Amino acid sequence: VSPIYDIPSRVKKQILLGFKEGKENLSAALAINNIGENYIRVKKWDSNAHVLLKVVITTENASIFINIIDAQNAWPYSIRNFSNTEFFVYQADPYFDKDGNRTSDKQFKPVFYRIPPKSVMPYAWDFPAADVKELVIRCGSRERFIQLAEIGSLVPMRVKREIGKYSIFDLNVVADGPVQA
């Protein structure tokens, strides 16, 4: 247990996590007022691999408690492609608030993940401090923004294949035990 003192008085209080041995490999920012379970990837100091950490933030009276636990590869999300088509996914621009206002001058560089046909990929947010967390699904030139918190059937995605021909893809967000897929 270590207290954190002298936090700057900014509207958004955020922390970065990293291993003692690799101070240059810090995680993405995590807002400390995001009460509950959060997942964050931290790069290992001795390789290009990442460790998934579960950060549980709670409050008691006027104190905030941050518990950092090894998630033991229990990812919060699973991206599942049951089709015969390749998709790409990435987190939407984290520098916008829920009203659509830009919150930072930082340039957004999405992290793209290729989802081959008939495949499953574990996932955690690349920018966990974002006010609005949306996953963008891309197929060809078509993109769809998905909120993983909205469980249920979504409007199908229509993708143009060639002149006059389209493919329709069923999109669903389901709870599969502790994982949202």
Protein backbone atom coordinates (compact mmCIF):
# COMPACT_ATOMS: atom_id res chain seq x y z
CA VAL A 1 0.00 0.00 0.00
CA SER A 2 1.43 3.34 -1.08
CA PRO A 3 -0.34 6.70 -0.82
CA ILE A 4 -0.28 9.04 -3.80
CA TYR A 5 0.33 12.65 -2.81
CA ASP A 6 0.42 15.92 -4.69
CA ILE A 7 -1.91 15.04 -7.53
CA PRO A 8 -2.19 18.12 -9.76
CA SER A 9 -5.55 19.84 -9.56
CA ARG A 10 -6.74 19.09 -13.09
CA VAL A 11 -10.22 18.17 -14.14
CA LYS A 12 -9.12 14.69 -15.26
CA LYS A 13 -6.89 12.84 -12.87
CA GLN A 14 -5.11 10.02 -14.63
CA ILE A 15 -2.41 7.47 -13.87
CA LEU A 16 0.03 5.55 -16.04
CA LEU A 17 1.28 2.13 -15.05
CA GLY A 18 4.55 0.41 -15.81
CA PHE A 19 7.05 -2.02 -14.42
CA LYS A 20 9.94 -0.76 -12.32
CA GLU A 21 12.46 -2.33 -14.71
CA GLY A 22 11.04 -0.65 -17.83
CA LYS A 23 10.05 2.91 -17.01
CA GLU A 24 9.93 3.82 -20.71
CA ASN A 25 7.14 1.28 -21.32
CA LEU A 26 4.23 2.98 -19.55
CA SER A 27 0.61 2.06 -20.19
CA ALA A 28 -2.05 4.25 -21.70
CA ALA A 29 -3.65 6.73 -19.31
CA LEU A 30 -6.36 5.52 -16.94
CA ALA A 31 -8.77 7.96 -15.25
CA ILE A 32 -8.75 7.40 -11.48
CA ASN A 33 -12.36 8.54 -11.18
CA ASN A 34 -13.45 5.57 -13.33
CA ILE A 35 -14.79 3.61 -10.36
CA GLY A 36 -15.01 -0.15 -10.82
CA GLU A 37 -13.00 -2.70 -12.80
CA ASN A 38 -10.71 -1.41 -15.53
CA TYR A 39 -8.30 -3.35 -17.72
CA ILE A 40 -5.03 -2.02 -19.01
CA ARG A 41 -2.14 -3.46 -20.98
CA VAL A 42 1.41 -2.81 -19.79
CA LYS A 43 4.38 -3.70 -21.94
CA LYS A 44 6.80 -6.17 -20.37
CA TRP A 45 10.27 -4.83 -19.76
CA ASP A 46 12.05 -7.72 -21.44
CA SER A 47 10.00 -8.25 -24.64
CA ASN A 48 7.34 -6.80 -26.92
CA ALA A 49 4.64 -8.76 -25.08
CA HIS A 50 2.08 -7.13 -22.81
CA VAL A 51 0.68 -8.05 -19.41
CA LEU A 52 -3.02 -7.47 -18.86
CA LEU A 53 -3.72 -5.85 -15.49
CA LYS A 54 -7.07 -5.47 -13.78
CA VAL A 55 -7.25 -2.13 -11.97
CA VAL A 56 -10.05 -1.99 -9.41
CA ILE A 57 -10.85 1.56 -8.32
CA THR A 58 -13.03 2.07 -5.24
CA THR A 59 -13.84 4.94 -2.92
CA GLU A 60 -14.28 5.08 0.81
CA ASN A 61 -15.14 8.37 2.49
CA ALA A 62 -12.81 10.92 0.83
CA SER A 63 -10.24 8.36 -0.32
CA ILE A 64 -9.78 6.62 -3.63
CA PHE A 65 -8.28 3.13 -3.54
CA ILE A 66 -6.55 1.69 -6.61
CA ASN A 67 -5.89 -2.05 -6.52
CA ILE A 68 -3.73 -3.46 -9.31
CA ILE A 69 -4.10 -7.18 -9.98
CA ASP A 70 -2.67 -9.49 -12.63
CA ALA A 71 -5.71 -10.26 -14.81
CA GLN A 72 -4.16 -13.65 -15.64
CA ASN A 73 -5.15 -13.32 -19.29
CA ALA A 74 -8.86 -12.92 -18.46
CA TRP A 75 -9.63 -10.29 -21.13
CA PRO A 76 -12.81 -8.21 -20.71
CA TYR A 77 -13.80 -8.38 -24.40
CA SER A 78 -13.70 -10.94 -27.19
CA ILE A 79 -13.98 -9.93 -30.84
CA ARG A 80 -15.45 -12.88 -32.75
CA ASN A 81 -15.62 -13.10 -36.52
CA PHE A 82 -17.77 -16.04 -37.61
CA SER A 83 -17.88 -14.88 -41.23
CA ASN A 84 -15.70 -15.68 -44.24
CA THR A 85 -14.66 -12.02 -44.50
CA GLU A 86 -11.72 -10.15 -42.96
CA PHE A 87 -12.48 -7.21 -40.66
CA PHE A 88 -10.38 -4.60 -38.87
CA VAL A 89 -11.27 -3.09 -35.50
CA TYR A 90 -9.93 -0.14 -33.54
CA GLN A 91 -11.00 2.14 -30.72
CA ALA A 92 -12.69 5.37 -31.86
CA ASP A 93 -10.96 8.70 -31.28
CA PRO A 94 -10.69 9.01 -27.47
CA TYR A 95 -10.26 12.79 -27.58
CA PHE A 96 -13.99 13.57 -27.89
CA ASP A 97 -16.52 13.81 -25.07
CA LYS A 98 -20.11 12.54 -25.14
CA ASP A 99 -21.30 15.85 -26.61
CA GLY A 100 -18.91 15.54 -29.56
CA ASN A 101 -16.52 18.24 -28.31
CA ARG A 102 -12.78 17.74 -28.81
CA THR A 103 -11.07 17.37 -25.40
CA SER A 104 -7.41 17.40 -26.45
CA ASP A 105 -5.05 18.77 -29.07
CA LYS A 106 -3.34 15.39 -29.27
CA GLN A 107 -3.40 13.72 -32.66
CA PHE A 108 -5.27 10.43 -32.66
CA LYS A 109 -3.42 7.41 -34.03
CA PRO A 110 -5.70 4.37 -33.97
CA VAL A 111 -4.32 0.92 -33.19
CA PHE A 112 -5.70 -1.39 -35.88
CA TYR A 113 -6.36 -5.07 -35.23
CA ARG A 114 -6.90 -7.48 -38.12
CA ILE A 115 -9.66 -10.01 -37.49
CA PRO A 116 -9.28 -12.82 -40.06
CA PRO A 117 -12.28 -14.92 -41.12
CA LYS A 118 -13.41 -17.52 -38.56
CA SER A 119 -11.27 -16.11 -35.74
CA VAL A 120 -11.49 -14.83 -32.18
CA MET A 121 -9.33 -12.11 -30.62
CA PRO A 122 -9.21 -11.02 -26.95
CA TYR A 123 -9.45 -7.25 -26.49
CA ALA A 124 -9.09 -4.46 -23.93
CA TRP A 125 -9.39 -0.72 -24.64
CA ASP A 126 -6.30 0.94 -26.08
CA PHE A 127 -7.33 4.27 -24.53
CA PRO A 128 -9.07 3.37 -21.24
CA ALA A 129 -9.32 7.01 -20.10
CA ALA A 130 -11.62 7.94 -23.02
CA ASP A 131 -14.93 9.51 -22.03
CA VAL A 132 -16.69 7.69 -24.85
CA LYS A 133 -15.52 4.15 -25.54
CA GLU A 134 -16.56 2.92 -28.96
CA LEU A 135 -15.16 0.15 -31.10
CA VAL A 136 -14.97 0.80 -34.83
CA ILE A 137 -15.50 -2.17 -37.12
CA ARG A 138 -14.15 -1.75 -40.65
CA CYS A 139 -14.78 -3.90 -43.69
CA GLY A 140 -13.60 -2.51 -47.02
CA SER A 141 -14.51 1.20 -46.99
CA ARG A 142 -17.42 0.74 -44.57
CA GLU A 143 -17.11 1.52 -40.85
CA ARG A 144 -19.51 0.98 -37.96
CA PHE A 145 -19.21 2.43 -34.45
CA ILE A 146 -20.20 -0.01 -31.68
CA GLN A 147 -20.65 0.58 -27.97
CA LEU A 148 -19.74 -2.69 -26.28
CA ALA A 149 -21.91 -1.78 -23.27
CA GLU A 150 -25.04 -2.05 -25.45
CA ILE A 151 -25.76 -5.76 -25.25
CA GLY A 152 -28.08 -7.18 -27.87
CA SER A 153 -28.62 -7.39 -31.62
CA LEU A 154 -27.43 -4.37 -33.57
CA VAL A 155 -28.44 -3.07 -36.97
CA PRO A 156 -26.78 -5.34 -39.55
CA MET A 157 -23.76 -4.00 -41.43
CA ARG A 158 -24.12 -3.73 -45.20
CA VAL A 159 -20.84 -3.86 -47.12
CA LYS A 160 -20.49 -3.25 -50.85
CA ARG A 161 -18.60 -6.12 -52.51
CA GLU A 162 -18.64 -5.16 -56.17
CA ILE A 163 -20.85 -3.06 -58.41
CA GLY A 164 -24.43 -3.78 -57.42
CA LYS A 165 -23.56 -6.55 -54.93
CA TYR A 166 -23.60 -6.30 -51.15
CA SER A 167 -22.98 -8.55 -48.19
CA ILE A 168 -24.96 -8.18 -44.97
CA PHE A 169 -23.29 -8.99 -41.64
CA ASP A 170 -25.17 -9.63 -38.42
CA LEU A 171 -23.68 -7.71 -35.46
CA ASN A 172 -24.35 -8.70 -31.85
CA VAL A 173 -22.92 -7.80 -28.46
CA VAL A 174 -23.40 -10.65 -25.99
CA ALA A 175 -22.35 -11.38 -22.44
CA ASP A 176 -20.43 -14.66 -22.31
CA GLY A 177 -19.78 -15.08 -18.59
CA PRO A 178 -17.50 -12.24 -17.49
CA VAL A 179 -16.56 -11.46 -21.12
CA GLN A 180 -18.48 -9.22 -23.49
CA ALA A 181 -18.25 -10.54 -27.04
